[in-house]
Amino acid sequence: MRYSYEFKRKAIELFYQGKWPKTPVGVSTHTFHRQIRDWVKLERLHGLDINKCRGTNKYWSPKEKYELVCQVLSGQGLRAVAIVAGINSGQLYQWVHKYKTLGYNGLINKPKGRPLKDSKMKLPKNTSPRT
């Protein structure tokens, strides 16, 4: 579920007052409280703007991904590394999983979209007319 920046700010202010906002419908209280604590940690490390919705995604080079994966594999907590890096812990988990299964090549970004049409796969032209 996506939350507005104003909602996050209000939730963080209530957290500092020792209170919790009302848990949204369909979300467990434990999960919602953990999310608020993550917002607080992100704000402390990266400033107020970190919880704003960013319009474009940041490009992570394979080397940057590898450095974060190495931190996790060396024993640091996955969520802690993700918060310091300013990314979602699920994204970092995917990078660790790809590194464990495919090695460094798993961290290389793949091209997006449908592959180009191969000219060799064209059907032969039918010389006889259909009837």
N, C-alpha and C. Protein backbone atom coordinates (compact mmCIF):
# COMPACT_ATOMS: atom_id res chain seq x y z
N MET A 1 0.84 -1.17 0.00
CA MET A 1 0.00 0.00 0.00
C MET A 1 0.89 1.24 0.00
N ARG A 2 0.54 2.21 -0.82
CA ARG A 2 1.31 3.45 -0.88
C ARG A 2 0.64 4.49 0.00
N TYR A 3 1.46 5.21 0.72
CA TYR A 3 0.97 6.26 1.62
C TYR A 3 1.48 7.60 1.13
N SER A 4 0.69 8.64 1.34
CA SER A 4 1.11 9.97 0.93
C SER A 4 2.19 10.48 1.88
N TYR A 5 2.93 11.47 1.41
CA TYR A 5 3.98 12.06 2.22
C TYR A 5 3.40 12.68 3.48
N GLU A 6 2.24 13.31 3.35
CA GLU A 6 1.61 13.95 4.52
C GLU A 6 1.23 12.90 5.56
N PHE A 7 0.72 11.76 5.12
CA PHE A 7 0.37 10.69 6.05
C PHE A 7 1.61 10.17 6.77
N LYS A 8 2.70 10.00 6.02
CA LYS A 8 3.95 9.54 6.64
C LYS A 8 4.45 10.53 7.67
N ARG A 9 4.43 11.83 7.34
CA ARG A 9 4.89 12.86 8.29
C ARG A 9 4.05 12.84 9.56
N LYS A 10 2.72 12.71 9.41
CA LYS A 10 1.85 12.67 10.58
C LYS A 10 2.13 11.44 11.43
N ALA A 11 2.34 10.30 10.79
CA ALA A 11 2.63 9.07 11.51
C ALA A 11 3.96 9.18 12.25
N ILE A 12 4.96 9.81 11.64
CA ILE A 12 6.27 9.97 12.28
C ILE A 12 6.16 10.92 13.48
N GLU A 13 5.40 12.01 13.32
CA GLU A 13 5.20 12.94 14.44
C GLU A 13 4.51 12.25 15.60
N LEU A 14 3.49 11.44 15.33
CA LEU A 14 2.81 10.69 16.39
C LEU A 14 3.77 9.70 17.05
N PHE A 15 4.64 9.09 16.25
CA PHE A 15 5.62 8.15 16.80
C PHE A 15 6.52 8.84 17.80
N TYR A 16 6.97 10.05 17.47
CA TYR A 16 7.83 10.80 18.39
C TYR A 16 7.09 11.19 19.66
N GLN A 17 5.77 11.31 19.59
CA GLN A 17 4.96 11.63 20.76
C GLN A 17 4.62 10.38 21.57
N GLY A 18 5.02 9.22 21.08
CA GLY A 18 4.73 7.97 21.77
C GLY A 18 3.36 7.41 21.43
N LYS A 19 2.78 7.85 20.33
CA LYS A 19 1.45 7.40 19.92
C LYS A 19 1.55 6.73 18.55
N TRP A 20 0.51 5.97 18.22
CA TRP A 20 0.44 5.32 16.92
C TRP A 20 -0.80 5.80 16.19
N PRO A 21 -0.71 6.03 14.89
CA PRO A 21 -1.92 6.37 14.14
C PRO A 21 -2.80 5.13 14.00
N LYS A 22 -4.04 5.34 13.59
CA LYS A 22 -4.96 4.22 13.39
C LYS A 22 -4.44 3.35 12.25
N THR A 23 -4.45 2.05 12.46
CA THR A 23 -3.96 1.11 11.45
C THR A 23 -4.96 1.03 10.31
N PRO A 24 -4.50 1.18 9.06
CA PRO A 24 -5.42 1.08 7.91
C PRO A 24 -6.06 -0.30 7.81
N VAL A 25 -7.22 -0.36 7.18
CA VAL A 25 -7.93 -1.61 6.99
C VAL A 25 -7.14 -2.50 6.04
N GLY A 26 -7.03 -3.78 6.38
CA GLY A 26 -6.34 -4.73 5.53
C GLY A 26 -4.86 -4.86 5.81
N VAL A 27 -4.35 -4.13 6.79
CA VAL A 27 -2.93 -4.18 7.14
C VAL A 27 -2.83 -4.61 8.60
N SER A 28 -1.94 -5.54 8.90
CA SER A 28 -1.78 -5.96 10.29
C SER A 28 -1.10 -4.84 11.08
N THR A 29 -1.45 -4.74 12.34
CA THR A 29 -0.90 -3.69 13.20
C THR A 29 0.61 -3.82 13.31
N HIS A 30 1.09 -5.05 13.45
CA HIS A 30 2.54 -5.27 13.58
C HIS A 30 3.28 -4.77 12.33
N THR A 31 2.76 -5.12 11.16
CA THR A 31 3.39 -4.69 9.91
C THR A 31 3.37 -3.18 9.76
N PHE A 32 2.25 -2.57 10.12
CA PHE A 32 2.11 -1.11 10.00
C PHE A 32 3.07 -0.40 10.95
N HIS A 33 3.20 -0.87 12.18
CA HIS A 33 4.12 -0.25 13.14
C HIS A 33 5.57 -0.40 12.69
N ARG A 34 5.90 -1.56 12.13
CA ARG A 34 7.26 -1.77 11.63
C ARG A 34 7.56 -0.81 10.48
N GLN A 35 6.55 -0.59 9.63
CA GLN A 35 6.72 0.35 8.51
C GLN A 35 6.99 1.76 9.01
N ILE A 36 6.27 2.17 10.03
CA ILE A 36 6.48 3.52 10.60
C ILE A 36 7.88 3.62 11.20
N ARG A 37 8.32 2.59 11.90
CA ARG A 37 9.68 2.62 12.46
C ARG A 37 10.73 2.71 11.34
N ASP A 38 10.48 2.05 10.21
CA ASP A 38 11.39 2.15 9.07
C ASP A 38 11.40 3.57 8.51
N TRP A 39 10.22 4.22 8.42
CA TRP A 39 10.17 5.60 7.94
C TRP A 39 10.98 6.52 8.85
N VAL A 40 10.88 6.28 10.16
CA VAL A 40 11.63 7.10 11.12
C VAL A 40 13.13 6.92 10.91
N LYS A 41 13.57 5.68 10.77
CA LYS A 41 15.00 5.40 10.55
C LYS A 41 15.49 6.04 9.25
N LEU A 42 14.70 5.90 8.19
CA LEU A 42 15.09 6.50 6.92
C LEU A 42 15.22 8.01 7.05
N GLU A 43 14.27 8.62 7.74
CA GLU A 43 14.30 10.08 7.89
C GLU A 43 15.50 10.53 8.71
N ARG A 44 15.85 9.77 9.73
CA ARG A 44 17.02 10.13 10.55
C ARG A 44 18.31 10.05 9.74
N LEU A 45 18.41 9.04 8.88
CA LEU A 45 19.64 8.84 8.12
C LEU A 45 19.75 9.72 6.88
N HIS A 46 18.62 9.96 6.20
CA HIS A 46 18.68 10.60 4.89
C HIS A 46 17.96 11.94 4.80
N GLY A 47 17.31 12.38 5.86
CA GLY A 47 16.63 13.67 5.83
C GLY A 47 15.14 13.54 5.54
N LEU A 48 14.46 14.68 5.57
CA LEU A 48 13.00 14.69 5.44
C LEU A 48 12.51 14.24 4.07
N ASP A 49 13.26 14.50 3.03
CA ASP A 49 12.78 14.23 1.67
C ASP A 49 12.80 12.75 1.29
N ILE A 50 13.40 11.90 2.09
CA ILE A 50 13.53 10.49 1.72
C ILE A 50 12.17 9.80 1.64
N ASN A 51 11.20 10.24 2.42
CA ASN A 51 9.89 9.59 2.42
C ASN A 51 8.95 10.14 1.36
N LYS A 52 9.41 11.11 0.57
CA LYS A 52 8.59 11.60 -0.53
C LYS A 52 8.66 10.60 -1.67
N CYS A 53 7.57 10.56 -2.44
CA CYS A 53 7.53 9.67 -3.60
C CYS A 53 8.45 10.24 -4.67
N ARG A 54 9.39 9.43 -5.11
CA ARG A 54 10.31 9.87 -6.15
C ARG A 54 9.74 9.48 -7.50
N GLY A 55 9.84 10.39 -8.45
CA GLY A 55 9.25 10.16 -9.76
C GLY A 55 9.97 9.12 -10.58
N THR A 56 11.29 9.07 -10.50
CA THR A 56 12.03 8.12 -11.31
C THR A 56 12.85 7.21 -10.40
N ASN A 57 13.12 6.03 -10.90
CA ASN A 57 13.90 5.07 -10.13
C ASN A 57 15.39 5.34 -10.34
N LYS A 58 16.16 5.07 -9.31
CA LYS A 58 17.60 5.25 -9.38
C LYS A 58 18.20 4.04 -10.09
N TYR A 59 19.17 4.29 -10.94
CA TYR A 59 19.89 3.21 -11.60
C TYR A 59 21.00 2.72 -10.67
N TRP A 60 21.01 1.44 -10.38
CA TRP A 60 22.05 0.83 -9.54
C TRP A 60 22.98 0.03 -10.44
N SER A 61 24.25 0.37 -10.42
CA SER A 61 25.22 -0.38 -11.22
C SER A 61 25.47 -1.73 -10.54
N PRO A 62 25.94 -2.72 -11.30
CA PRO A 62 26.24 -4.02 -10.70
C PRO A 62 27.26 -3.92 -9.55
N LYS A 63 28.20 -2.97 -9.66
CA LYS A 63 29.20 -2.81 -8.61
C LYS A 63 28.55 -2.32 -7.31
N GLU A 64 27.62 -1.36 -7.42
CA GLU A 64 26.91 -0.86 -6.23
C GLU A 64 26.06 -1.96 -5.60
N LYS A 65 25.39 -2.73 -6.44
CA LYS A 65 24.59 -3.84 -5.94
C LYS A 65 25.48 -4.85 -5.21
N TYR A 66 26.62 -5.14 -5.82
CA TYR A 66 27.55 -6.12 -5.25
C TYR A 66 28.04 -5.67 -3.87
N GLU A 67 28.33 -4.39 -3.72
CA GLU A 67 28.78 -3.88 -2.42
C GLU A 67 27.72 -4.07 -1.34
N LEU A 68 26.46 -3.81 -1.69
CA LEU A 68 25.38 -4.01 -0.72
C LEU A 68 25.17 -5.48 -0.40
N VAL A 69 25.25 -6.33 -1.43
CA VAL A 69 25.09 -7.77 -1.23
C VAL A 69 26.20 -8.30 -0.33
N CYS A 70 27.42 -7.82 -0.53
CA CYS A 70 28.55 -8.26 0.31
C CYS A 70 28.34 -7.88 1.78
N GLN A 71 27.76 -6.73 2.02
CA GLN A 71 27.48 -6.33 3.39
C GLN A 71 26.51 -7.31 4.05
N VAL A 72 25.50 -7.73 3.30
CA VAL A 72 24.53 -8.68 3.84
C VAL A 72 25.17 -10.04 4.07
N LEU A 73 25.97 -10.48 3.10
CA LEU A 73 26.60 -11.80 3.21
C LEU A 73 27.68 -11.84 4.29
N SER A 74 28.21 -10.67 4.65
CA SER A 74 29.23 -10.64 5.70
C SER A 74 28.61 -10.68 7.10
N GLY A 75 27.28 -10.63 7.18
CA GLY A 75 26.64 -10.79 8.48
C GLY A 75 25.79 -9.62 8.93
N GLN A 76 25.80 -8.51 8.22
CA GLN A 76 24.95 -7.39 8.60
C GLN A 76 23.50 -7.71 8.27
N GLY A 77 22.59 -7.12 8.99
CA GLY A 77 21.18 -7.38 8.77
C GLY A 77 20.70 -6.83 7.44
N LEU A 78 19.84 -7.59 6.78
CA LEU A 78 19.34 -7.19 5.47
C LEU A 78 18.56 -5.89 5.56
N ARG A 79 17.66 -5.77 6.53
CA ARG A 79 16.85 -4.56 6.66
C ARG A 79 17.72 -3.37 7.03
N ALA A 80 18.72 -3.58 7.87
CA ALA A 80 19.60 -2.48 8.28
C ALA A 80 20.39 -1.94 7.09
N VAL A 81 20.91 -2.83 6.27
CA VAL A 81 21.66 -2.41 5.08
C VAL A 81 20.74 -1.68 4.11
N ALA A 82 19.51 -2.19 3.95
CA ALA A 82 18.55 -1.56 3.04
C ALA A 82 18.18 -0.16 3.51
N ILE A 83 17.99 0.02 4.80
CA ILE A 83 17.62 1.35 5.32
C ILE A 83 18.76 2.33 5.13
N VAL A 84 19.98 1.91 5.38
CA VAL A 84 21.13 2.80 5.20
C VAL A 84 21.29 3.17 3.73
N ALA A 85 21.03 2.21 2.83
CA ALA A 85 21.13 2.48 1.39
C ALA A 85 19.94 3.28 0.87
N GLY A 86 18.84 3.28 1.62
CA GLY A 86 17.65 4.01 1.19
C GLY A 86 16.81 3.26 0.18
N ILE A 87 16.85 1.92 0.22
CA ILE A 87 16.05 1.11 -0.69
C ILE A 87 15.13 0.19 0.10
N ASN A 88 14.23 -0.45 -0.61
CA ASN A 88 13.31 -1.40 0.00
C ASN A 88 14.07 -2.68 0.32
N SER A 89 13.77 -3.29 1.47
CA SER A 89 14.47 -4.51 1.85
C SER A 89 14.14 -5.66 0.90
N GLY A 90 12.95 -5.65 0.30
CA GLY A 90 12.60 -6.69 -0.68
C GLY A 90 13.48 -6.63 -1.91
N GLN A 91 13.83 -5.41 -2.34
CA GLN A 91 14.71 -5.25 -3.49
C GLN A 91 16.10 -5.81 -3.19
N LEU A 92 16.60 -5.49 -2.01
CA LEU A 92 17.93 -6.00 -1.63
C LEU A 92 17.90 -7.52 -1.50
N TYR A 93 16.80 -8.06 -0.99
CA TYR A 93 16.67 -9.52 -0.89
C TYR A 93 16.77 -10.16 -2.27
N GLN A 94 16.12 -9.55 -3.28
CA GLN A 94 16.19 -10.06 -4.64
C GLN A 94 17.63 -10.06 -5.17
N TRP A 95 18.36 -9.00 -4.88
CA TRP A 95 19.75 -8.93 -5.34
C TRP A 95 20.59 -10.01 -4.68
N VAL A 96 20.38 -10.24 -3.38
CA VAL A 96 21.14 -11.28 -2.67
C VAL A 96 20.80 -12.65 -3.26
N HIS A 97 19.51 -12.88 -3.50
CA HIS A 97 19.09 -14.17 -4.06
C HIS A 97 19.69 -14.39 -5.45
N LYS A 98 19.66 -13.36 -6.29
CA LYS A 98 20.24 -13.49 -7.64
C LYS A 98 21.73 -13.72 -7.57
N TYR A 99 22.41 -13.06 -6.62
CA TYR A 99 23.85 -13.25 -6.49
C TYR A 99 24.16 -14.68 -6.05
N LYS A 100 23.36 -15.21 -5.12
CA LYS A 100 23.60 -16.57 -4.64
C LYS A 100 23.34 -17.61 -5.73
N THR A 101 22.37 -17.37 -6.59
CA THR A 101 22.04 -18.36 -7.62
C THR A 101 22.83 -18.18 -8.91
N LEU A 102 23.03 -16.93 -9.33
CA LEU A 102 23.67 -16.68 -10.63
C LEU A 102 25.06 -16.06 -10.54
N GLY A 103 25.48 -15.69 -9.34
CA GLY A 103 26.78 -15.04 -9.19
C GLY A 103 26.70 -13.57 -9.57
N TYR A 104 27.85 -12.99 -9.87
CA TYR A 104 27.91 -11.57 -10.20
C TYR A 104 27.06 -11.24 -11.43
N ASN A 105 26.97 -12.17 -12.37
CA ASN A 105 26.18 -11.92 -13.59
C ASN A 105 24.70 -11.72 -13.28
N GLY A 106 24.23 -12.23 -12.16
CA GLY A 106 22.84 -12.03 -11.78
C GLY A 106 22.54 -10.59 -11.39
N LEU A 107 23.57 -9.81 -11.08
CA LEU A 107 23.38 -8.41 -10.69
C LEU A 107 23.39 -7.45 -11.87
N ILE A 108 23.72 -7.96 -13.05
CA ILE A 108 23.76 -7.11 -14.24
C ILE A 108 22.34 -6.88 -14.72
N ASN A 109 22.00 -5.62 -15.01
CA ASN A 109 20.65 -5.27 -15.45
C ASN A 109 20.35 -5.87 -16.81
N LYS A 110 19.20 -6.46 -16.91
CA LYS A 110 18.75 -7.06 -18.17
C LYS A 110 17.94 -6.03 -18.95
N PRO A 111 17.97 -6.10 -20.29
CA PRO A 111 17.14 -5.18 -21.07
C PRO A 111 15.66 -5.45 -20.83
N LYS A 112 14.86 -4.40 -20.80
CA LYS A 112 13.43 -4.51 -20.54
C LYS A 112 12.66 -4.65 -21.84
N GLY A 113 11.48 -5.19 -21.75
CA GLY A 113 10.57 -5.24 -22.88
C GLY A 113 10.68 -6.51 -23.71
N ARG A 114 9.94 -6.51 -24.76
CA ARG A 114 9.90 -7.65 -25.66
C ARG A 114 11.16 -7.69 -26.51
N PRO A 115 11.73 -8.88 -26.71
CA PRO A 115 12.93 -8.95 -27.54
C PRO A 115 12.63 -8.56 -28.98
N LEU A 116 13.67 -8.10 -29.68
CA LEU A 116 13.51 -7.70 -31.07
C LEU A 116 13.17 -8.91 -31.93
N LYS A 117 12.42 -8.66 -32.99
CA LYS A 117 12.02 -9.71 -33.89
C LYS A 117 13.25 -10.17 -34.69
N ASP A 118 13.46 -11.45 -34.72
CA ASP A 118 14.60 -12.01 -35.42
C ASP A 118 14.24 -12.16 -36.89
N SER A 119 15.06 -11.59 -37.77
CA SER A 119 14.76 -11.63 -39.21
C SER A 119 14.86 -13.05 -39.76
N LYS A 120 15.59 -13.94 -39.11
CA LYS A 120 15.74 -15.31 -39.58
C LYS A 120 14.47 -16.12 -39.37
N MET A 121 13.61 -15.65 -38.54
CA MET A 121 12.42 -16.42 -38.21
C MET A 121 11.21 -16.06 -39.07
N LYS A 122 11.40 -15.30 -40.13
CA LYS A 122 10.30 -14.94 -41.00
C LYS A 122 9.81 -16.19 -41.74
N LEU A 123 8.54 -16.23 -41.95
CA LEU A 123 7.96 -17.34 -42.69
C LEU A 123 8.29 -17.20 -44.17
N PRO A 124 8.49 -18.29 -44.86
CA PRO A 124 8.75 -18.19 -46.30
C PRO A 124 7.50 -17.67 -47.00
N LYS A 125 7.74 -16.85 -48.04
CA LYS A 125 6.61 -16.28 -48.78
C LYS A 125 5.93 -17.37 -49.57
N ASN A 126 4.64 -17.33 -49.53
CA ASN A 126 3.86 -18.31 -50.25
C ASN A 126 3.73 -17.87 -51.70
N THR A 127 4.22 -18.68 -52.62
CA THR A 127 4.19 -18.29 -54.04
C THR A 127 2.87 -18.61 -54.70
N SER A 128 2.15 -19.57 -54.15
CA SER A 128 0.87 -19.90 -54.77
C SER A 128 -0.24 -19.11 -54.09
N PRO A 129 -1.18 -18.57 -54.90
CA PRO A 129 -2.27 -17.81 -54.30
C PRO A 129 -3.25 -18.73 -53.59
N ARG A 130 -3.86 -18.21 -52.58
CA ARG A 130 -4.84 -18.99 -51.80
C ARG A 130 -6.17 -18.99 -52.53
N THR A 131 -6.84 -20.09 -52.42
CA THR A 131 -8.17 -20.16 -53.03
C THR A 131 -9.21 -20.57 -52.04
